[in-house]
Amino acid sequence: MILLFSHKLTESQKKDAVKNWDIEYFITLPENLQKIWSNIDPNLESLSELLLPICTFLDDVAEKGDIVLIQGDFGACYNLVEHAKSNTLVPVYATTKRLVKEYIDNGKSIKESIFEHRRFRRYE
């Protein structure tokens, strides 16, 4: 599984990938490309040029049918999902269940959201 993702995978996500997607190993972006992926400038008019090195990396490391976890900036995700599909890769994203706890602490209403991994879903 190639990770175009800004966070670290949880143990639950790793287990799911291995069990349900037959993943043998995970490939992360090199540090310089991870910085690009994790810090998309919201003021840019277009992302094509910015994402070109990430597309090149994907082309270099991926083989037909490889799974690519793509999550992050919506526009960047769209661009990379299209790139992955056009190169016979399988783009997926993680789904979660949100558990909400609400409680009163010192007269203040506190709302806490906990996200639990459920599955990886293929971009259609």
PDB file of N, CA and C in Angstrom:
ATOM      1  N   MET A   1       0.856  -1.173   0.000  1.00  0.00           N
ATOM      2  CA  MET A   1       0.000   0.000   0.000  1.00  0.00           C
ATOM      3  C   MET A   1       0.896   1.227   0.000  1.00  0.00           C
ATOM      4  N   ILE A   2       0.655   2.092  -0.965  1.00  0.00           N
ATOM      5  CA  ILE A   2       1.395   3.341  -1.059  1.00  0.00           C
ATOM      6  C   ILE A   2       0.569   4.393  -0.331  1.00  0.00           C
ATOM      7  N   LEU A   3       1.213   5.137   0.562  1.00  0.00           N
ATOM      8  CA  LEU A   3       0.503   6.063   1.432  1.00  0.00           C
ATOM      9  C   LEU A   3       0.667   7.516   0.997  1.00  0.00           C
ATOM     10  N   LEU A   4      -0.393   8.084   0.458  1.00  0.00           N
ATOM     11  CA  LEU A   4      -0.463   9.516   0.180  1.00  0.00           C
ATOM     12  C   LEU A   4      -1.423  10.043   1.240  1.00  0.00           C
ATOM     13  N   PHE A   5      -0.862  10.319   2.394  1.00  0.00           N
ATOM     14  CA  PHE A   5      -1.621  10.416   3.631  1.00  0.00           C
ATOM     15  C   PHE A   5      -0.806  11.270   4.583  1.00  0.00           C
ATOM     16  N   SER A   6      -1.439  12.139   5.351  1.00  0.00           N
ATOM     17  CA  SER A   6      -0.694  13.057   6.212  1.00  0.00           C
ATOM     18  C   SER A   6      -0.425  12.528   7.614  1.00  0.00           C
ATOM     19  N   HIS A   7      -1.010  11.410   7.965  1.00  0.00           N
ATOM     20  CA  HIS A   7      -0.873  10.892   9.321  1.00  0.00           C
ATOM     21  C   HIS A   7      -0.164   9.549   9.321  1.00  0.00           C
ATOM     22  N   LYS A   8       0.052   9.021  10.480  1.00  0.00           N
ATOM     23  CA  LYS A   8       0.576   7.660  10.619  1.00  0.00           C
ATOM     24  C   LYS A   8      -0.611   6.707  10.633  1.00  0.00           C
ATOM     25  N   LEU A   9      -0.459   5.542  10.028  1.00  0.00           N
ATOM     26  CA  LEU A   9      -1.515   4.541  10.096  1.00  0.00           C
ATOM     27  C   LEU A   9      -1.645   4.015  11.518  1.00  0.00           C
ATOM     28  N   THR A  10      -2.874   3.781  11.940  1.00  0.00           N
ATOM     29  CA  THR A  10      -3.095   3.160  13.245  1.00  0.00           C
ATOM     30  C   THR A  10      -2.892   1.655  13.110  1.00  0.00           C
ATOM     31  N   GLU A  11      -2.755   0.989  14.227  1.00  0.00           N
ATOM     32  CA  GLU A  11      -2.628  -0.475  14.193  1.00  0.00           C
ATOM     33  C   GLU A  11      -3.860  -1.101  13.559  1.00  0.00           C
ATOM     34  N   SER A  12      -5.017  -0.558  13.859  1.00  0.00           N
ATOM     35  CA  SER A  12      -6.268  -1.052  13.281  1.00  0.00           C
ATOM     36  C   SER A  12      -6.253  -0.932  11.758  1.00  0.00           C
ATOM     37  N   GLN A  13      -5.761   0.182  11.252  1.00  0.00           N
ATOM     38  CA  GLN A  13      -5.672   0.373   9.802  1.00  0.00           C
ATOM     39  C   GLN A  13      -4.675  -0.598   9.180  1.00  0.00           C
ATOM     40  N   LYS A  14      -3.550  -0.793   9.833  1.00  0.00           N
ATOM     41  CA  LYS A  14      -2.553  -1.730   9.311  1.00  0.00           C
ATOM     42  C   LYS A  14      -3.125  -3.143   9.247  1.00  0.00           C
ATOM     43  N   LYS A  15      -3.790  -3.555  10.313  1.00  0.00           N
ATOM     44  CA  LYS A  15      -4.382  -4.904  10.352  1.00  0.00           C
ATOM     45  C   LYS A  15      -5.435  -5.070   9.262  1.00  0.00           C
ATOM     46  N   ASP A  16      -6.272  -4.054   9.078  1.00  0.00           N
ATOM     47  CA  ASP A  16      -7.295  -4.096   8.040  1.00  0.00           C
ATOM     48  C   ASP A  16      -6.655  -4.228   6.659  1.00  0.00           C
ATOM     49  N   ALA A  17      -5.624  -3.438   6.401  1.00  0.00           N
ATOM     50  CA  ALA A  17      -4.957  -3.467   5.099  1.00  0.00           C
ATOM     51  C   ALA A  17      -4.369  -4.847   4.809  1.00  0.00           C
ATOM     52  N   VAL A  18      -3.737  -5.422   5.799  1.00  0.00           N
ATOM     53  CA  VAL A  18      -3.127  -6.741   5.628  1.00  0.00           C
ATOM     54  C   VAL A  18      -4.194  -7.819   5.437  1.00  0.00           C
ATOM     55  N   LYS A  19      -5.202  -7.796   6.277  1.00  0.00           N
ATOM     56  CA  LYS A  19      -6.241  -8.836   6.249  1.00  0.00           C
ATOM     57  C   LYS A  19      -7.153  -8.744   5.031  1.00  0.00           C
ATOM     58  N   ASN A  20      -7.631  -7.536   4.727  1.00  0.00           N
ATOM     59  CA  ASN A  20      -8.662  -7.410   3.710  1.00  0.00           C
ATOM     60  C   ASN A  20      -8.179  -6.957   2.333  1.00  0.00           C
ATOM     61  N   TRP A  21      -6.944  -6.474   2.269  1.00  0.00           N
ATOM     62  CA  TRP A  21      -6.418  -6.014   0.986  1.00  0.00           C
ATOM     63  C   TRP A  21      -5.120  -6.734   0.616  1.00  0.00           C
ATOM     64  N   ASP A  22      -4.747  -7.744   1.408  1.00  0.00           N
ATOM     65  CA  ASP A  22      -3.531  -8.542   1.152  1.00  0.00           C
ATOM     66  C   ASP A  22      -2.272  -7.694   1.028  1.00  0.00           C
ATOM     67  N   ILE A  23      -2.179  -6.657   1.854  1.00  0.00           N
ATOM     68  CA  ILE A  23      -1.016  -5.770   1.821  1.00  0.00           C
ATOM     69  C   ILE A  23       0.164  -6.462   2.492  1.00  0.00           C
ATOM     70  N   GLU A  24       1.300  -6.450   1.810  1.00  0.00           N
ATOM     71  CA  GLU A  24       2.519  -7.056   2.351  1.00  0.00           C
ATOM     72  C   GLU A  24       3.426  -6.018   2.997  1.00  0.00           C
ATOM     73  N   TYR A  25       3.414  -4.792   2.481  1.00  0.00           N
ATOM     74  CA  TYR A  25       4.244  -3.722   3.056  1.00  0.00           C
ATOM     75  C   TYR A  25       3.661  -2.368   2.666  1.00  0.00           C
ATOM     76  N   PHE A  26       4.123  -1.352   3.360  1.00  0.00           N
ATOM     77  CA  PHE A  26       3.647   0.011   3.168  1.00  0.00           C
ATOM     78  C   PHE A  26       4.784   0.879   2.643  1.00  0.00           C
ATOM     79  N   ILE A  27       4.467   1.729   1.671  1.00  0.00           N
ATOM     80  CA  ILE A  27       5.446   2.648   1.110  1.00  0.00           C
ATOM     81  C   ILE A  27       4.994   4.064   1.445  1.00  0.00           C
ATOM     82  N   THR A  28       5.846   4.798   2.139  1.00  0.00           N
ATOM     83  CA  THR A  28       5.529   6.182   2.491  1.00  0.00           C
ATOM     84  C   THR A  28       6.242   7.130   1.529  1.00  0.00           C
ATOM     85  N   LEU A  29       5.748   8.341   1.489  1.00  0.00           N
ATOM     86  CA  LEU A  29       6.398   9.366   0.674  1.00  0.00           C
ATOM     87  C   LEU A  29       7.744   9.739   1.286  1.00  0.00           C
ATOM     88  N   PRO A  30       8.735  10.045   0.461  1.00  0.00           N
ATOM     89  CA  PRO A  30       9.979  10.597   0.998  1.00  0.00           C
ATOM     90  C   PRO A  30       9.657  11.916   1.715  1.00  0.00           C
ATOM     91  N   GLU A  31      10.505  12.314   2.639  1.00  0.00           N
ATOM     92  CA  GLU A  31      10.251  13.485   3.482  1.00  0.00           C
ATOM     93  C   GLU A  31       9.916  14.737   2.670  1.00  0.00           C
ATOM     94  N   ASN A  32      10.664  15.001   1.599  1.00  0.00           N
ATOM     95  CA  ASN A  32      10.413  16.216   0.813  1.00  0.00           C
ATOM     96  C   ASN A  32       9.032  16.202   0.158  1.00  0.00           C
ATOM     97  N   LEU A  33       8.584  15.028  -0.300  1.00  0.00           N
ATOM     98  CA  LEU A  33       7.260  14.930  -0.909  1.00  0.00           C
ATOM     99  C   LEU A  33       6.161  14.918   0.144  1.00  0.00           C
ATOM    100  N   GLN A  34       6.460  14.352   1.312  1.00  0.00           N
ATOM    101  CA  GLN A  34       5.486  14.368   2.409  1.00  0.00           C
ATOM    102  C   GLN A  34       5.197  15.801   2.838  1.00  0.00           C
ATOM    103  N   LYS A  35       6.222  16.636   2.849  1.00  0.00           N
ATOM    104  CA  LYS A  35       6.028  18.053   3.196  1.00  0.00           C
ATOM    105  C   LYS A  35       5.082  18.724   2.202  1.00  0.00           C
ATOM    106  N   ILE A  36       5.237  18.414   0.938  1.00  0.00           N
ATOM    107  CA  ILE A  36       4.337  18.975  -0.080  1.00  0.00           C
ATOM    108  C   ILE A  36       2.913  18.500   0.169  1.00  0.00           C
ATOM    109  N   TRP A  37       2.739  17.183   0.323  1.00  0.00           N
ATOM    110  CA  TRP A  37       1.403  16.598   0.483  1.00  0.00           C
ATOM    111  C   TRP A  37       0.702  17.108   1.744  1.00  0.00           C
ATOM    112  N   SER A  38       1.433  17.281   2.803  1.00  0.00           N
ATOM    113  CA  SER A  38       0.844  17.670   4.087  1.00  0.00           C
ATOM    114  C   SER A  38       0.636  19.169   4.233  1.00  0.00           C
ATOM    115  N   ASN A  39       1.121  19.955   3.280  1.00  0.00           N
ATOM    116  CA  ASN A  39       1.056  21.415   3.403  1.00  0.00           C
ATOM    117  C   ASN A  39       0.621  22.067   2.094  1.00  0.00           C
ATOM    118  N   ILE A  40      -0.488  21.628   1.537  1.00  0.00           N
ATOM    119  CA  ILE A  40      -0.987  22.200   0.290  1.00  0.00           C
ATOM    120  C   ILE A  40      -1.421  23.649   0.557  1.00  0.00           C
ATOM    121  N   ASP A  41      -0.855  24.571  -0.195  1.00  0.00           N
ATOM    122  CA  ASP A  41      -1.161  25.998  -0.035  1.00  0.00           C
ATOM    123  C   ASP A  41      -2.586  26.272  -0.531  1.00  0.00           C
ATOM    124  N   PRO A  42      -3.477  26.730   0.354  1.00  0.00           N
ATOM    125  CA  PRO A  42      -4.866  26.968  -0.049  1.00  0.00           C
ATOM    126  C   PRO A  42      -5.018  28.140  -1.018  1.00  0.00           C
ATOM    127  N   ASN A  43      -3.973  28.927  -1.223  1.00  0.00           N
ATOM    128  CA  ASN A  43      -4.043  30.081  -2.110  1.00  0.00           C
ATOM    129  C   ASN A  43      -3.652  29.768  -3.552  1.00  0.00           C
ATOM    130  N   LEU A  44      -3.171  28.558  -3.808  1.00  0.00           N
ATOM    131  CA  LEU A  44      -2.766  28.207  -5.167  1.00  0.00           C
ATOM    132  C   LEU A  44      -3.992  28.079  -6.070  1.00  0.00           C
ATOM    133  N   GLU A  45      -3.872  28.590  -7.278  1.00  0.00           N
ATOM    134  CA  GLU A  45      -4.956  28.491  -8.262  1.00  0.00           C
ATOM    135  C   GLU A  45      -5.047  27.071  -8.812  1.00  0.00           C
ATOM    136  N   SER A  46      -3.886  26.446  -9.042  1.00  0.00           N
ATOM    137  CA  SER A  46      -3.819  25.108  -9.626  1.00  0.00           C
ATOM    138  C   SER A  46      -2.811  24.265  -8.852  1.00  0.00           C
ATOM    139  N   LEU A  47      -3.081  22.974  -8.777  1.00  0.00           N
ATOM    140  CA  LEU A  47      -2.184  22.061  -8.047  1.00  0.00           C
ATOM    141  C   LEU A  47      -1.350  21.178  -8.973  1.00  0.00           C
ATOM    142  N   SER A  48      -1.620  21.208 -10.263  1.00  0.00           N
ATOM    143  CA  SER A  48      -0.963  20.286 -11.201  1.00  0.00           C
ATOM    144  C   SER A  48       0.552  20.308 -11.098  1.00  0.00           C
ATOM    145  N   GLU A  49       1.150  21.483 -11.152  1.00  0.00           N
ATOM    146  CA  GLU A  49       2.609  21.585 -11.104  1.00  0.00           C
ATOM    147  C   GLU A  49       3.150  21.150  -9.748  1.00  0.00           C
ATOM    148  N   LEU A  50       2.477  21.563  -8.679  1.00  0.00           N
ATOM    149  CA  LEU A  50       2.906  21.206  -7.324  1.00  0.00           C
ATOM    150  C   LEU A  50       2.912  19.694  -7.121  1.00  0.00           C
ATOM    151  N   LEU A  51       1.908  19.008  -7.678  1.00  0.00           N
ATOM    152  CA  LEU A  51       1.763  17.570  -7.455  1.00  0.00           C
ATOM    153  C   LEU A  51       2.570  16.711  -8.424  1.00  0.00           C
ATOM    154  N   LEU A  52       3.161  17.327  -9.418  1.00  0.00           N
ATOM    155  CA  LEU A  52       3.925  16.573 -10.416  1.00  0.00           C
ATOM    156  C   LEU A  52       4.998  15.669  -9.794  1.00  0.00           C
ATOM    157  N   PRO A  53       5.800  16.134  -8.819  1.00  0.00           N
ATOM    158  CA  PRO A  53       6.794  15.234  -8.217  1.00  0.00           C
ATOM    159  C   PRO A  53       6.159  14.042  -7.489  1.00  0.00           C
ATOM    160  N   ILE A  54       4.975  14.239  -6.934  1.00  0.00           N
ATOM    161  CA  ILE A  54       4.293  13.129  -6.254  1.00  0.00           C
ATOM    162  C   ILE A  54       3.777  12.129  -7.284  1.00  0.00           C
ATOM    163  N   CYS A  55       3.255  12.627  -8.394  1.00  0.00           N
ATOM    164  CA  CYS A  55       2.833  11.735  -9.476  1.00  0.00           C
ATOM    165  C   CYS A  55       4.014  10.942 -10.020  1.00  0.00           C
ATOM    166  N   THR A  56       5.150  11.608 -10.180  1.00  0.00           N
ATOM    167  CA  THR A  56       6.361  10.935 -10.665  1.00  0.00           C
ATOM    168  C   THR A  56       6.798   9.853  -9.687  1.00  0.00           C
ATOM    169  N   PHE A  57       6.785  10.163  -8.393  1.00  0.00           N
ATOM    170  CA  PHE A  57       7.123   9.174  -7.376  1.00  0.00           C
ATOM    171  C   PHE A  57       6.196   7.969  -7.476  1.00  0.00           C
ATOM    172  N   LEU A  58       4.906   8.227  -7.585  1.00  0.00           N
ATOM    173  CA  LEU A  58       3.926   7.144  -7.685  1.00  0.00           C
ATOM    174  C   LEU A  58       4.203   6.290  -8.919  1.00  0.00           C
ATOM    175  N   ASP A  59       4.481   6.926 -10.030  1.00  0.00           N
ATOM    176  CA  ASP A  59       4.798   6.194 -11.258  1.00  0.00           C
ATOM    177  C   ASP A  59       6.038   5.318 -11.093  1.00  0.00           C
ATOM    178  N   ASP A  60       7.008   5.817 -10.318  1.00  0.00           N
ATOM    179  CA  ASP A  60       8.267   5.091 -10.137  1.00  0.00           C
ATOM    180  C   ASP A  60       8.129   3.883  -9.215  1.00  0.00           C
ATOM    181  N   VAL A  61       7.281   3.975  -8.191  1.00  0.00           N
ATOM    182  CA  VAL A  61       7.229   2.899  -7.189  1.00  0.00           C
ATOM    183  C   VAL A  61       6.055   1.941  -7.359  1.00  0.00           C
ATOM    184  N   ALA A  62       5.018   2.357  -8.069  1.00  0.00           N
ATOM    185  CA  ALA A  62       3.797   1.547  -8.149  1.00  0.00           C
ATOM    186  C   ALA A  62       3.820   0.591  -9.325  1.00  0.00           C
ATOM    187  N   GLU A  63       3.145  -0.528  -9.109  1.00  0.00           N
ATOM    188  CA  GLU A  63       2.933  -1.505 -10.170  1.00  0.00           C
ATOM    189  C   GLU A  63       1.434  -1.685 -10.356  1.00  0.00           C
ATOM    190  N   LYS A  64       1.047  -2.122 -11.524  1.00  0.00           N
ATOM    191  CA  LYS A  64      -0.363  -2.319 -11.850  1.00  0.00           C
ATOM    192  C   LYS A  64      -1.073  -3.065 -10.721  1.00  0.00           C
ATOM    193  N   GLY A  65      -2.210  -2.524 -10.280  1.00  0.00           N
ATOM    194  CA  GLY A  65      -3.014  -3.167  -9.251  1.00  0.00           C
ATOM    195  C   GLY A  65      -2.636  -2.819  -7.825  1.00  0.00           C
ATOM    196  N   ASP A  66      -1.554  -2.043  -7.631  1.00  0.00           N
ATOM    197  CA  ASP A  66      -1.168  -1.654  -6.272  1.00  0.00           C
ATOM    198  C   ASP A  66      -2.255  -0.781  -5.646  1.00  0.00           C
ATOM    199  N   ILE A  67      -2.380  -0.887  -4.330  1.00  0.00           N
ATOM    200  CA  ILE A  67      -3.338  -0.105  -3.563  1.00  0.00           C
ATOM    201  C   ILE A  67      -2.655   1.200  -3.145  1.00  0.00           C
ATOM    202  N   VAL A  68      -3.373   2.330  -3.327  1.00  0.00           N
ATOM    203  CA  VAL A  68      -2.849   3.636  -2.949  1.00  0.00           C
ATOM    204  C   VAL A  68      -3.855   4.305  -2.019  1.00  0.00           C
ATOM    205  N   LEU A  69      -3.444   4.533  -0.772  1.00  0.00           N
ATOM    206  CA  LEU A  69      -4.284   5.245   0.184  1.00  0.00           C
ATOM    207  C   LEU A  69      -4.107   6.738  -0.069  1.00  0.00           C
ATOM    208  N   ILE A  70      -5.195   7.414  -0.467  1.00  0.00           N
ATOM    209  CA  ILE A  70      -5.120   8.827  -0.824  1.00  0.00           C
ATOM    210  C   ILE A  70      -6.090   9.613   0.040  1.00  0.00           C
ATOM    211  N   GLN A  71      -5.537  10.436   0.938  1.00  0.00           N
ATOM    212  CA  GLN A  71      -6.346  11.305   1.790  1.00  0.00           C
ATOM    213  C   GLN A  71      -5.592  12.593   2.036  1.00  0.00           C
ATOM    214  N   GLY A  72      -6.328  13.707   2.046  1.00  0.00           N
ATOM    215  CA  GLY A  72      -5.719  15.006   2.285  1.00  0.00           C
ATOM    216  C   GLY A  72      -6.557  16.112   1.680  1.00  0.00           C
ATOM    217  N   ASP A  73      -5.909  17.137   1.141  1.00  0.00           N
ATOM    218  CA  ASP A  73      -6.586  18.240   0.470  1.00  0.00           C
ATOM    219  C   ASP A  73      -7.489  17.672  -0.633  1.00  0.00           C
ATOM    220  N   PHE A  74      -8.753  18.134  -0.669  1.00  0.00           N
ATOM    221  CA  PHE A  74      -9.722  17.561  -1.607  1.00  0.00           C
ATOM    222  C   PHE A  74      -9.263  17.641  -3.056  1.00  0.00           C
ATOM    223  N   GLY A  75      -8.767  18.797  -3.459  1.00  0.00           N
ATOM    224  CA  GLY A  75      -8.316  18.953  -4.836  1.00  0.00           C
ATOM    225  C   GLY A  75      -7.117  18.072  -5.162  1.00  0.00           C
ATOM    226  N   ALA A  76      -6.185  17.983  -4.223  1.00  0.00           N
ATOM    227  CA  ALA A  76      -5.012  17.128  -4.415  1.00  0.00           C
ATOM    228  C   ALA A  76      -5.443  15.659  -4.496  1.00  0.00           C
ATOM    229  N   CYS A  77      -6.387  15.276  -3.642  1.00  0.00           N
ATOM    230  CA  CYS A  77      -6.888  13.899  -3.676  1.00  0.00           C
ATOM    231  C   CYS A  77      -7.524  13.590  -5.031  1.00  0.00           C
ATOM    232  N   TYR A  78      -8.371  14.505  -5.493  1.00  0.00           N
ATOM    233  CA  TYR A  78      -9.022  14.296  -6.793  1.00  0.00           C
ATOM    234  C   TYR A  78      -7.973  14.091  -7.885  1.00  0.00           C
ATOM    235  N   ASN A  79      -6.975  14.955  -7.903  1.00  0.00           N
ATOM    236  CA  ASN A  79      -5.914  14.881  -8.903  1.00  0.00           C
ATOM    237  C   ASN A  79      -5.203  13.532  -8.838  1.00  0.00           C
ATOM    238  N   LEU A  80      -4.828  13.095  -7.616  1.00  0.00           N
ATOM    239  CA  LEU A  80      -4.074  11.850  -7.477  1.00  0.00           C
ATOM    240  C   LEU A  80      -4.938  10.611  -7.681  1.00  0.00           C
ATOM    241  N   VAL A  81      -6.221  10.685  -7.324  1.00  0.00           N
ATOM    242  CA  VAL A  81      -7.127   9.553  -7.600  1.00  0.00           C
ATOM    243  C   VAL A  81      -7.230   9.356  -9.109  1.00  0.00           C
ATOM    244  N   GLU A  82      -7.418  10.435  -9.838  1.00  0.00           N
ATOM    245  CA  GLU A  82      -7.491  10.345 -11.301  1.00  0.00           C
ATOM    246  C   GLU A  82      -6.180   9.804 -11.873  1.00  0.00           C
ATOM    247  N   HIS A  83      -5.066  10.277 -11.349  1.00  0.00           N
ATOM    248  CA  HIS A  83      -3.762   9.801 -11.815  1.00  0.00           C
ATOM    249  C   HIS A  83      -3.612   8.296 -11.531  1.00  0.00           C
ATOM    250  N   ALA A  84      -3.978   7.889 -10.319  1.00  0.00           N
ATOM    251  CA  ALA A  84      -3.871   6.472  -9.953  1.00  0.00           C
ATOM    252  C   ALA A  84      -4.744   5.606 -10.859  1.00  0.00           C
ATOM    253  N   LYS A  85      -5.981   6.010 -11.050  1.00  0.00           N
ATOM    254  CA  LYS A  85      -6.889   5.229 -11.896  1.00  0.00           C
ATOM    255  C   LYS A  85      -6.368   5.109 -13.323  1.00  0.00           C
ATOM    256  N   SER A  86      -5.841   6.204 -13.847  1.00  0.00           N
ATOM    257  CA  SER A  86      -5.352   6.174 -15.229  1.00  0.00           C
ATOM    258  C   SER A  86      -4.095   5.324 -15.377  1.00  0.00           C
ATOM    259  N   ASN A  87      -3.487   4.976 -14.251  1.00  0.00           N
ATOM    260  CA  ASN A  87      -2.285   4.132 -14.277  1.00  0.00           C
ATOM    261  C   ASN A  87      -2.547   2.751 -13.681  1.00  0.00           C
ATOM    262  N   THR A  88      -3.796   2.300 -13.756  1.00  0.00           N
ATOM    263  CA  THR A  88      -4.242   0.971 -13.314  1.00  0.00           C
ATOM    264  C   THR A  88      -3.889   0.653 -11.858  1.00  0.00           C
ATOM    265  N   LEU A  89      -3.919   1.683 -11.019  1.00  0.00           N
ATOM    266  CA  LEU A  89      -3.730   1.498  -9.583  1.00  0.00           C
ATOM    267  C   LEU A  89      -5.103   1.531  -8.924  1.00  0.00           C
ATOM    268  N   VAL A  90      -5.168   1.121  -7.656  1.00  0.00           N
ATOM    269  CA  VAL A  90      -6.434   1.057  -6.935  1.00  0.00           C
ATOM    270  C   VAL A  90      -6.413   2.092  -5.810  1.00  0.00           C
ATOM    271  N   PRO A  91      -7.018   3.269  -6.023  1.00  0.00           N
ATOM    272  CA  PRO A  91      -7.043   4.279  -4.969  1.00  0.00           C
ATOM    273  C   PRO A  91      -8.135   3.981  -3.943  1.00  0.00           C
ATOM    274  N   VAL A  92      -7.764   4.114  -2.655  1.00  0.00           N
ATOM    275  CA  VAL A  92      -8.700   3.873  -1.565  1.00  0.00           C
ATOM    276  C   VAL A  92      -8.593   5.002  -0.542  1.00  0.00           C
ATOM    277  N   TYR A  93      -9.594   5.060   0.355  1.00  0.00           N
ATOM    278  CA  TYR A  93      -9.566   5.997   1.475  1.00  0.00           C
ATOM    279  C   TYR A  93     -10.093   5.271   2.695  1.00  0.00           C
ATOM    280  N   ALA A  94      -9.746   5.786   3.867  1.00  0.00           N
ATOM    281  CA  ALA A  94     -10.167   5.176   5.128  1.00  0.00           C
ATOM    282  C   ALA A  94     -11.519   5.740   5.545  1.00  0.00           C
ATOM    283  N   THR A  95     -12.400   4.861   6.004  1.00  0.00           N
ATOM    284  CA  THR A  95     -13.665   5.303   6.568  1.00  0.00           C
ATOM    285  C   THR A  95     -13.583   5.161   8.083  1.00  0.00           C
ATOM    286  N   THR A  96     -14.344   6.007   8.772  1.00  0.00           N
ATOM    287  CA  THR A  96     -14.323   5.996  10.229  1.00  0.00           C
ATOM    288  C   THR A  96     -15.736   6.092  10.781  1.00  0.00           C
ATOM    289  N   LYS A  97     -15.859   5.702  12.033  1.00  0.00           N
ATOM    290  CA  LYS A  97     -17.088   5.923  12.782  1.00  0.00           C
ATOM    291  C   LYS A  97     -16.750   6.945  13.850  1.00  0.00           C
ATOM    292  N   ARG A  98     -17.587   7.992  13.950  1.00  0.00           N
ATOM    293  CA  ARG A  98     -17.339   9.030  14.938  1.00  0.00           C
ATOM    294  C   ARG A  98     -18.165   8.737  16.183  1.00  0.00           C
ATOM    295  N   LEU A  99     -17.471   8.674  17.300  1.00  0.00           N
ATOM    296  CA  LEU A  99     -18.114   8.505  18.599  1.00  0.00           C
ATOM    297  C   LEU A  99     -18.012   9.837  19.329  1.00  0.00           C
ATOM    298  N   VAL A 100     -19.150  10.363  19.751  1.00  0.00           N
ATOM    299  CA  VAL A 100     -19.171  11.677  20.383  1.00  0.00           C
ATOM    300  C   VAL A 100     -19.512  11.536  21.860  1.00  0.00           C
ATOM    301  N   LYS A 101     -18.708  12.182  22.689  1.00  0.00           N
ATOM    302  CA  LYS A 101     -18.960  12.250  24.125  1.00  0.00           C
ATOM    303  C   LYS A 101     -19.213  13.711  24.474  1.00  0.00           C
ATOM    304  N   GLU A 102     -20.257  13.955  25.223  1.00  0.00           N
ATOM    305  CA  GLU A 102     -20.525  15.307  25.713  1.00  0.00           C
ATOM    306  C   GLU A 102     -20.608  15.253  27.224  1.00  0.00           C
ATOM    307  N   TYR A 103     -19.983  16.223  27.870  1.00  0.00           N
ATOM    308  CA  TYR A 103     -20.024  16.274  29.323  1.00  0.00           C
ATOM    309  C   TYR A 103     -19.809  17.710  29.794  1.00  0.00           C
ATOM    310  N   ILE A 104     -20.146  17.945  31.043  1.00  0.00           N
ATOM    311  CA  ILE A 104     -19.981  19.256  31.655  1.00  0.00           C
ATOM    312  C   ILE A 104     -18.743  19.214  32.542  1.00  0.00           C
ATOM    313  N   ASP A 105     -17.851  20.199  32.366  1.00  0.00           N
ATOM    314  CA  ASP A 105     -16.639  20.301  33.166  1.00  0.00           C
ATOM    315  C   ASP A 105     -16.505  21.746  33.631  1.00  0.00           C
ATOM    316  N   ASN A 106     -16.592  21.940  34.941  1.00  0.00           N
ATOM    317  CA  ASN A 106     -16.515  23.301  35.510  1.00  0.00           C
ATOM    318  C   ASN A 106     -17.511  24.259  34.863  1.00  0.00           C
ATOM    319  N   GLY A 107     -18.720  23.787  34.641  1.00  0.00           N
ATOM    320  CA  GLY A 107     -19.764  24.628  34.079  1.00  0.00           C
ATOM    321  C   GLY A 107     -19.675  24.836  32.579  1.00  0.00           C
ATOM    322  N   LYS A 108     -18.718  24.175  31.924  1.00  0.00           N
ATOM    323  CA  LYS A 108     -18.570  24.292  30.477  1.00  0.00           C
ATOM    324  C   LYS A 108     -18.988  22.983  29.816  1.00  0.00           C
ATOM    325  N   SER A 109     -19.708  23.107  28.728  1.00  0.00           N
ATOM    326  CA  SER A 109     -20.110  21.938  27.955  1.00  0.00           C
ATOM    327  C   SER A 109     -18.955  21.551  27.027  1.00  0.00           C
ATOM    328  N   ILE A 110     -18.474  20.333  27.175  1.00  0.00           N
ATOM    329  CA  ILE A 110     -17.348  19.832  26.381  1.00  0.00           C
ATOM    330  C   ILE A 110     -17.871  18.740  25.438  1.00  0.00           C
ATOM    331  N   LYS A 111     -17.485  18.837  24.189  1.00  0.00           N
ATOM    332  CA  LYS A 111     -17.846  17.837  23.194  1.00  0.00           C
ATOM    333  C   LYS A 111     -16.555  17.240  22.645  1.00  0.00           C
ATOM    334  N   GLU A 112     -16.426  15.937  22.722  1.00  0.00           N
ATOM    335  CA  GLU A 112     -15.208  15.238  22.287  1.00  0.00           C
ATOM    336  C   GLU A 112     -15.589  14.230  21.208  1.00  0.00           C
ATOM    337  N   SER A 113     -14.872  14.265  20.094  1.00  0.00           N
ATOM    338  CA  SER A 113     -15.107  13.313  19.013  1.00  0.00           C
ATOM    339  C   SER A 113     -13.941  12.346  18.924  1.00  0.00           C
ATOM    340  N   ILE A 114     -14.265  11.072  18.862  1.00  0.00           N
ATOM    341  CA  ILE A 114     -13.265  10.022  18.709  1.00  0.00           C
ATOM    342  C   ILE A 114     -13.591   9.288  17.413  1.00  0.00           C
ATOM    343  N   PHE A 115     -12.592   9.173  16.545  1.00  0.00           N
ATOM    344  CA  PHE A 115     -12.805   8.520  15.264  1.00  0.00           C
ATOM    345  C   PHE A 115     -12.185   7.126  15.299  1.00  0.00           C
ATOM    346  N   GLU A 116     -12.992   6.118  14.955  1.00  0.00           N
ATOM    347  CA  GLU A 116     -12.518   4.735  14.917  1.00  0.00           C
ATOM    348  C   GLU A 116     -12.515   4.244  13.481  1.00  0.00           C
ATOM    349  N   HIS A 117     -11.400   3.666  13.069  1.00  0.00           N
ATOM    350  CA  HIS A 117     -11.278   3.121  11.715  1.00  0.00           C
ATOM    351  C   HIS A 117     -12.293   1.998  11.511  1.00  0.00           C
ATOM    352  N   ARG A 118     -12.940   2.007  10.372  1.00  0.00           N
ATOM    353  CA  ARG A 118     -13.870   0.945  10.016  1.00  0.00           C
ATOM    354  C   ARG A 118     -13.367   0.105   8.860  1.00  0.00           C
ATOM    355  N   ARG A 119     -12.960   0.761   7.767  1.00  0.00           N
ATOM    356  CA  ARG A 119     -12.519  -0.001   6.601  1.00  0.00           C
ATOM    357  C   ARG A 119     -11.881   0.942   5.595  1.00  0.00           C
ATOM    358  N   PHE A 120     -11.205   0.363   4.630  1.00  0.00           N
ATOM    359  CA  PHE A 120     -10.747   1.120   3.468  1.00  0.00           C
ATOM    360  C   PHE A 120     -11.779   0.917   2.372  1.00  0.00           C
ATOM    361  N   ARG A 121     -12.115   1.994   1.690  1.00  0.00           N
ATOM    362  CA  ARG A 121     -13.108   1.933   0.609  1.00  0.00           C
ATOM    363  C   ARG A 121     -12.459   2.440  -0.675  1.00  0.00           C
ATOM    364  N   ARG A 122     -12.742   1.735  -1.746  1.00  0.00           N
ATOM    365  CA  ARG A 122     -12.226   2.111  -3.060  1.00  0.00           C
ATOM    366  C   ARG A 122     -12.919   3.381  -3.554  1.00  0.00           C
ATOM    367  N   TYR A 123     -12.133   4.307  -4.103  1.00  0.00           N
ATOM    368  CA  TYR A 123     -12.725   5.447  -4.792  1.00  0.00           C
ATOM    369  C   TYR A 123     -13.420   4.903  -6.042  1.00  0.00           C
ATOM    370  N   GLU A 124     -14.668   5.282  -6.248  1.00  0.00           N
ATOM    371  CA  GLU A 124     -15.406   4.770  -7.431  1.00  0.00           C
ATOM    372  C   GLU A 124     -15.446   5.800  -8.527  1.00  0.00           C
TER     373      GLU A 124
END
